[in-house]
Amino acid sequence: MKNYMQEMLKRKDLLFYLVKSGLKAEHRNSYLGYFWWLLDPLLNVLVYYFLVVIVLGRTHDEFSYPLFLVIGLVAWRWISTSINSSSKSILRYSSIINQVSLPKALFPLSFTLTQLFNFAFGLIVIALFLAIYGVVPTWHIAYLPLIIFIQLTVHLALGLVLGFITIFVRDIENLMTYITRIFFYASPIIWEGGRLIRSGKVPDWLVPLIEYNPVAIIVTAYRDILMFHQTPNLIGLGILFLIAIIIGTFMIYYYSKNEHKIIKAL
């Protein structure tokens, strides 16, 4: 494993190239180009605001719902794009992998880091909404780099897992579409989790899924520090980080011992 990680460090130029090329390729044939990184979260907010507030008539007097919505959607967009891109990362570069000997773990890592830059533009949109609604962040915003780092670590670990499994089970890519959809609706992204639970309409066995799933913990952490000016769930974030470190370390070891299987499968 040590030799494998040293080889990855030697190939850091390739990692930078993959991230750079991924950023260029994302909107290569688009007229608006990188502007979509700003426009996409804005359009998502408009769609779900229309659905929840205009169509369903749900009001949120205790907080600014558009701000609540944009924070949830931006955080979720980073999660979903990282999952989708990293799961296909090795398959996408199969022609290169079959010709050149290099650490295969670099590919899911590069796709995950590419989406980090995408997320940075989402933070600009969040800052815009904070300014519009007159919400001035307090000292709690100091937790922001920590939350981003923990979420990135989770994405890197998950990307390594999905990137490897998808090589052997191609149906995983389609299955993840439905799994991510479940987590989207089970997490407080477009609705306020506490209100739904307090309403008594949620079965008891579903409450832990709504309150403690990883997506809920991450999304709520961003809202806590940006909107509600309170300390995030550090215990939940710490557990996520520890699990991600364990999984990520194991997957790096697993890649180092089983890369020959990747070549055969491709």
Protein backbone atom coordinates (compact mmCIF):
# COMPACT_ATOMS: atom_id res chain seq x y z
CA MET A 1 0.00 0.00 0.00
CA LYS A 2 2.87 2.38 0.82
CA ASN A 3 4.41 1.85 -2.62
CA TYR A 4 1.01 2.39 -4.22
CA MET A 5 0.52 5.72 -2.46
CA GLN A 6 4.04 6.78 -3.44
CA GLU A 7 3.18 5.97 -7.04
CA MET A 8 0.04 8.08 -6.76
CA LEU A 9 2.11 11.01 -5.49
CA LYS A 10 4.49 10.60 -8.43
CA ARG A 11 1.47 10.79 -10.74
CA LYS A 12 0.08 13.97 -9.17
CA ASP A 13 0.61 15.78 -12.47
CA LEU A 14 -1.79 13.32 -14.07
CA LEU A 15 -4.29 13.98 -11.28
CA PHE A 16 -4.10 17.73 -11.95
CA TYR A 17 -4.51 17.11 -15.67
CA LEU A 18 -7.57 14.91 -15.15
CA VAL A 19 -9.20 17.54 -12.92
CA LYS A 20 -8.41 20.30 -15.43
CA SER A 21 -9.69 18.30 -18.39
CA GLY A 22 -12.82 17.34 -16.44
CA LEU A 23 -13.58 21.00 -15.79
CA LYS A 24 -13.15 21.85 -19.46
CA ALA A 25 -15.22 18.91 -20.68
CA GLU A 26 -18.18 19.54 -18.40
CA HIS A 27 -19.63 22.35 -20.52
CA ARG A 28 -17.49 22.05 -23.63
CA ASN A 29 -20.34 22.31 -26.15
CA SER A 30 -22.46 24.73 -24.14
CA TYR A 31 -23.10 28.31 -25.21
CA LEU A 32 -23.15 29.52 -21.60
CA GLY A 33 -20.16 27.42 -20.57
CA TYR A 34 -19.09 27.77 -16.96
CA PHE A 35 -21.99 30.17 -16.30
CA TRP A 36 -24.12 27.03 -15.92
CA TRP A 37 -22.33 26.39 -12.62
CA LEU A 38 -24.09 29.51 -11.32
CA LEU A 39 -27.29 29.18 -13.32
CA ASP A 40 -28.03 25.55 -12.45
CA PRO A 41 -28.57 26.04 -8.69
CA LEU A 42 -30.61 29.19 -9.38
CA LEU A 43 -32.93 27.32 -11.73
CA ASN A 44 -33.26 24.46 -9.25
CA VAL A 45 -34.35 26.90 -6.56
CA LEU A 46 -36.98 28.39 -8.88
CA VAL A 47 -38.35 24.95 -9.79
CA TYR A 48 -38.68 23.67 -6.22
CA TYR A 49 -39.92 27.02 -4.90
CA PHE A 50 -42.67 26.92 -7.51
CA LEU A 51 -43.51 23.32 -6.59
CA VAL A 52 -43.49 23.67 -2.79
CA VAL A 53 -44.70 27.23 -2.25
CA ILE A 54 -46.82 28.05 -5.31
CA VAL A 55 -48.31 24.65 -6.17
CA LEU A 56 -48.46 22.98 -2.74
CA GLY A 57 -48.99 26.23 -0.86
CA ARG A 58 -46.53 25.41 1.94
CA THR A 59 -45.42 28.50 3.87
CA HIS A 60 -42.30 28.85 6.02
CA ASP A 61 -42.77 31.90 8.22
CA GLU A 62 -39.98 31.00 10.64
CA PHE A 63 -37.19 31.27 8.03
CA SER A 64 -36.49 32.43 4.46
CA TYR A 65 -37.45 29.38 2.44
CA PRO A 66 -35.54 30.32 -0.77
CA LEU A 67 -32.33 30.61 1.28
CA PHE A 68 -33.15 27.33 3.04
CA LEU A 69 -33.73 25.76 -0.36
CA VAL A 70 -30.60 27.02 -2.09
CA ILE A 71 -28.30 25.78 0.69
CA GLY A 72 -29.86 22.33 0.56
CA LEU A 73 -29.82 22.11 -3.24
CA VAL A 74 -26.22 23.30 -3.60
CA ALA A 75 -24.98 20.81 -1.00
CA TRP A 76 -27.05 18.04 -2.60
CA ARG A 77 -25.82 18.88 -6.10
CA TRP A 78 -22.24 18.31 -4.99
CA ILE A 79 -23.22 14.94 -3.52
CA SER A 80 -25.15 13.72 -6.56
CA THR A 81 -22.65 14.92 -9.20
CA SER A 82 -19.74 13.39 -7.30
CA ILE A 83 -21.51 10.04 -7.05
CA ASN A 84 -22.52 10.00 -10.71
CA SER A 85 -19.15 11.09 -12.09
CA SER A 86 -16.87 9.01 -9.86
CA SER A 87 -18.86 5.82 -10.46
CA LYS A 88 -18.11 6.08 -14.21
CA SER A 89 -14.57 7.43 -13.85
CA ILE A 90 -12.51 4.31 -14.55
CA LEU A 91 -14.81 3.12 -17.33
CA ARG A 92 -14.57 6.50 -19.01
CA TYR A 93 -10.78 6.25 -19.28
CA SER A 94 -10.64 2.52 -20.01
CA SER A 95 -8.70 3.05 -23.25
CA ILE A 96 -5.91 4.88 -21.41
CA ILE A 97 -5.89 2.44 -18.50
CA ASN A 98 -5.42 -0.52 -20.84
CA GLN A 99 -2.38 1.08 -22.46
CA VAL A 100 -0.54 2.76 -19.59
CA SER A 101 0.42 1.40 -16.17
CA LEU A 102 -0.75 3.87 -13.51
CA PRO A 103 -2.70 3.85 -10.23
CA LYS A 104 -6.35 3.37 -11.10
CA ALA A 105 -7.49 5.09 -7.89
CA LEU A 106 -6.47 8.42 -9.43
CA PHE A 107 -9.50 8.43 -11.71
CA PRO A 108 -12.34 8.43 -9.14
CA LEU A 109 -10.29 10.87 -7.03
CA SER A 110 -9.94 13.27 -9.98
CA PHE A 111 -13.63 13.25 -10.81
CA THR A 112 -14.52 13.95 -7.18
CA LEU A 113 -12.07 16.87 -7.01
CA THR A 114 -13.53 18.25 -10.25
CA GLN A 115 -16.93 18.49 -8.60
CA LEU A 116 -15.36 20.39 -5.69
CA PHE A 117 -14.68 23.30 -8.07
CA ASN A 118 -18.26 23.05 -9.27
CA PHE A 119 -19.44 23.31 -5.65
CA ALA A 120 -17.36 26.46 -5.18
CA PHE A 121 -19.58 28.24 -7.69
CA GLY A 122 -22.60 27.05 -5.72
CA LEU A 123 -21.17 28.81 -2.66
CA ILE A 124 -21.23 32.05 -4.66
CA VAL A 125 -24.97 31.54 -5.24
CA ILE A 126 -25.48 30.90 -1.51
CA ALA A 127 -23.58 34.10 -0.68
CA LEU A 128 -25.85 35.97 -3.09
CA PHE A 129 -28.97 34.67 -1.34
CA LEU A 130 -27.52 35.51 2.08
CA ALA A 131 -27.03 39.09 0.89
CA ILE A 132 -30.54 39.30 -0.62
CA TYR A 133 -32.23 38.16 2.60
CA GLY A 134 -29.95 40.19 4.84
CA VAL A 135 -28.52 37.21 6.69
CA VAL A 136 -25.10 38.08 8.05
CA PRO A 137 -23.06 34.99 9.00
CA THR A 138 -21.68 34.93 12.53
CA TRP A 139 -18.50 33.33 13.83
CA HIS A 140 -20.11 29.93 13.14
CA ILE A 141 -19.05 30.33 9.51
CA ALA A 142 -15.59 29.31 10.72
CA TYR A 143 -16.95 25.74 10.62
CA LEU A 144 -17.46 26.01 6.84
CA PRO A 145 -13.97 24.76 5.78
CA LEU A 146 -14.32 21.87 8.22
CA ILE A 147 -17.70 20.81 6.82
CA ILE A 148 -16.43 21.08 3.23
CA PHE A 149 -13.35 19.00 4.11
CA ILE A 150 -15.44 16.30 5.79
CA GLN A 151 -17.88 16.18 2.87
CA LEU A 152 -14.99 15.98 0.40
CA THR A 153 -13.47 13.09 2.38
CA VAL A 154 -16.80 11.26 2.30
CA HIS A 155 -17.05 11.81 -1.46
CA LEU A 156 -13.50 10.58 -2.07
CA ALA A 157 -14.14 7.37 -0.11
CA LEU A 158 -17.48 6.79 -1.81
CA GLY A 159 -15.96 7.51 -5.22
CA LEU A 160 -13.25 4.90 -4.69
CA VAL A 161 -15.89 2.30 -3.79
CA LEU A 162 -18.25 3.07 -6.67
CA GLY A 163 -15.47 3.49 -9.22
CA PHE A 164 -14.22 -0.03 -8.46
CA ILE A 165 -17.57 -1.81 -8.15
CA THR A 166 -19.01 -0.31 -11.34
CA ILE A 167 -16.25 -1.96 -13.37
CA PHE A 168 -17.56 -5.40 -12.44
CA VAL A 169 -21.25 -4.63 -11.95
CA ARG A 170 -22.31 -2.19 -14.66
CA ASP A 171 -25.86 -2.09 -13.29
CA ILE A 172 -24.60 -0.13 -10.28
CA GLU A 173 -24.66 3.02 -12.38
CA ASN A 174 -28.39 2.65 -13.03
CA LEU A 175 -29.10 1.51 -9.48
CA MET A 176 -27.41 4.60 -8.01
CA THR A 177 -29.96 6.78 -9.79
CA TYR A 178 -32.72 5.34 -7.60
CA ILE A 179 -30.63 5.21 -4.44
CA THR A 180 -29.70 8.88 -4.72
CA ARG A 181 -33.35 9.72 -5.39
CA ILE A 182 -34.35 7.96 -2.15
CA PHE A 183 -31.76 9.95 -0.19
CA PHE A 184 -32.91 13.18 -1.85
CA TYR A 185 -36.49 12.80 -0.67
CA ALA A 186 -35.51 11.23 2.68
CA SER A 187 -33.29 14.20 3.54
CA PRO A 188 -34.32 17.75 4.50
CA ILE A 189 -33.33 19.31 1.20
CA ILE A 190 -36.62 20.75 -0.04
CA TRP A 191 -38.53 20.32 3.23
CA GLU A 192 -37.79 21.01 6.89
CA GLY A 193 -37.07 17.72 8.65
CA GLY A 194 -38.09 18.72 12.17
CA ARG A 195 -41.49 19.97 11.03
CA LEU A 196 -42.27 16.73 9.19
CA ILE A 197 -41.29 14.60 12.17
CA ARG A 198 -43.26 16.76 14.61
CA SER A 199 -46.34 16.42 12.40
CA GLY A 200 -46.56 12.75 13.39
CA LYS A 201 -47.09 11.67 9.79
CA VAL A 202 -43.78 9.85 9.60
CA PRO A 203 -43.61 6.21 10.82
CA ASP A 204 -41.24 5.75 13.76
CA TRP A 205 -38.98 3.44 11.80
CA LEU A 206 -38.38 6.18 9.22
CA VAL A 207 -37.37 8.86 11.72
CA PRO A 208 -33.71 7.69 12.03
CA LEU A 209 -33.37 7.65 8.23
CA ILE A 210 -34.63 11.23 8.05
CA GLU A 211 -32.60 12.59 10.95
CA TYR A 212 -29.35 10.64 10.81
CA ASN A 213 -28.63 9.70 7.22
CA PRO A 214 -25.32 11.17 5.97
CA VAL A 215 -26.98 13.55 3.52
CA ALA A 216 -29.20 15.00 6.26
CA ILE A 217 -26.24 15.52 8.59
CA ILE A 218 -24.22 17.36 5.93
CA VAL A 219 -27.05 19.52 4.59
CA THR A 220 -28.22 20.46 8.09
CA ALA A 221 -24.65 21.39 9.06
CA TYR A 222 -24.47 23.98 6.28
CA ARG A 223 -27.80 25.49 7.30
CA ASP A 224 -26.82 25.55 10.97
CA ILE A 225 -23.76 27.72 10.39
CA LEU A 226 -25.08 29.90 7.54
CA MET A 227 -28.76 30.40 8.41
CA PHE A 228 -29.41 29.55 12.03
CA HIS A 229 -26.08 30.71 13.51
CA GLN A 230 -25.48 27.66 15.62
CA THR A 231 -22.87 24.95 16.03
CA PRO A 232 -23.40 22.01 13.66
CA ASN A 233 -23.72 18.40 14.72
CA LEU A 234 -20.01 17.83 15.32
CA ILE A 235 -20.53 14.29 16.61
CA GLY A 236 -22.41 13.27 13.46
CA LEU A 237 -19.83 14.95 11.24
CA GLY A 238 -17.00 13.32 13.18
CA ILE A 239 -18.54 9.88 12.76
CA LEU A 240 -18.96 10.46 9.02
CA PHE A 241 -15.32 11.56 8.75
CA LEU A 242 -14.04 8.54 10.69
CA ILE A 243 -16.06 6.11 8.56
CA ALA A 244 -14.86 7.82 5.38
CA ILE A 245 -11.21 7.60 6.48
CA ILE A 246 -11.56 3.89 7.26
CA ILE A 247 -13.30 3.12 3.96
CA GLY A 248 -10.93 5.29 1.95
CA THR A 249 -7.83 3.69 3.50
CA PHE A 250 -9.22 0.21 2.92
CA MET A 251 -10.07 1.01 -0.71
CA ILE A 252 -6.58 2.37 -1.43
CA TYR A 253 -5.19 -0.89 -0.04
CA TYR A 254 -7.73 -2.88 -2.06
CA TYR A 255 -6.83 -1.04 -5.26
CA SER A 256 -3.13 -1.73 -4.67
CA LYS A 257 -3.79 -5.47 -4.42
CA ASN A 258 -6.43 -5.89 -7.13
CA GLU A 259 -5.57 -3.56 -9.98
CA HIS A 260 -4.89 -6.55 -12.22
CA LYS A 261 -8.57 -7.45 -11.89
CA ILE A 262 -9.51 -4.02 -13.22
CA ILE A 263 -7.43 -4.59 -16.35
CA LYS A 264 -9.05 -7.96 -16.96
CA ALA A 265 -12.57 -6.59 -16.43
CA LEU A 266 -12.02 -3.69 -18.84
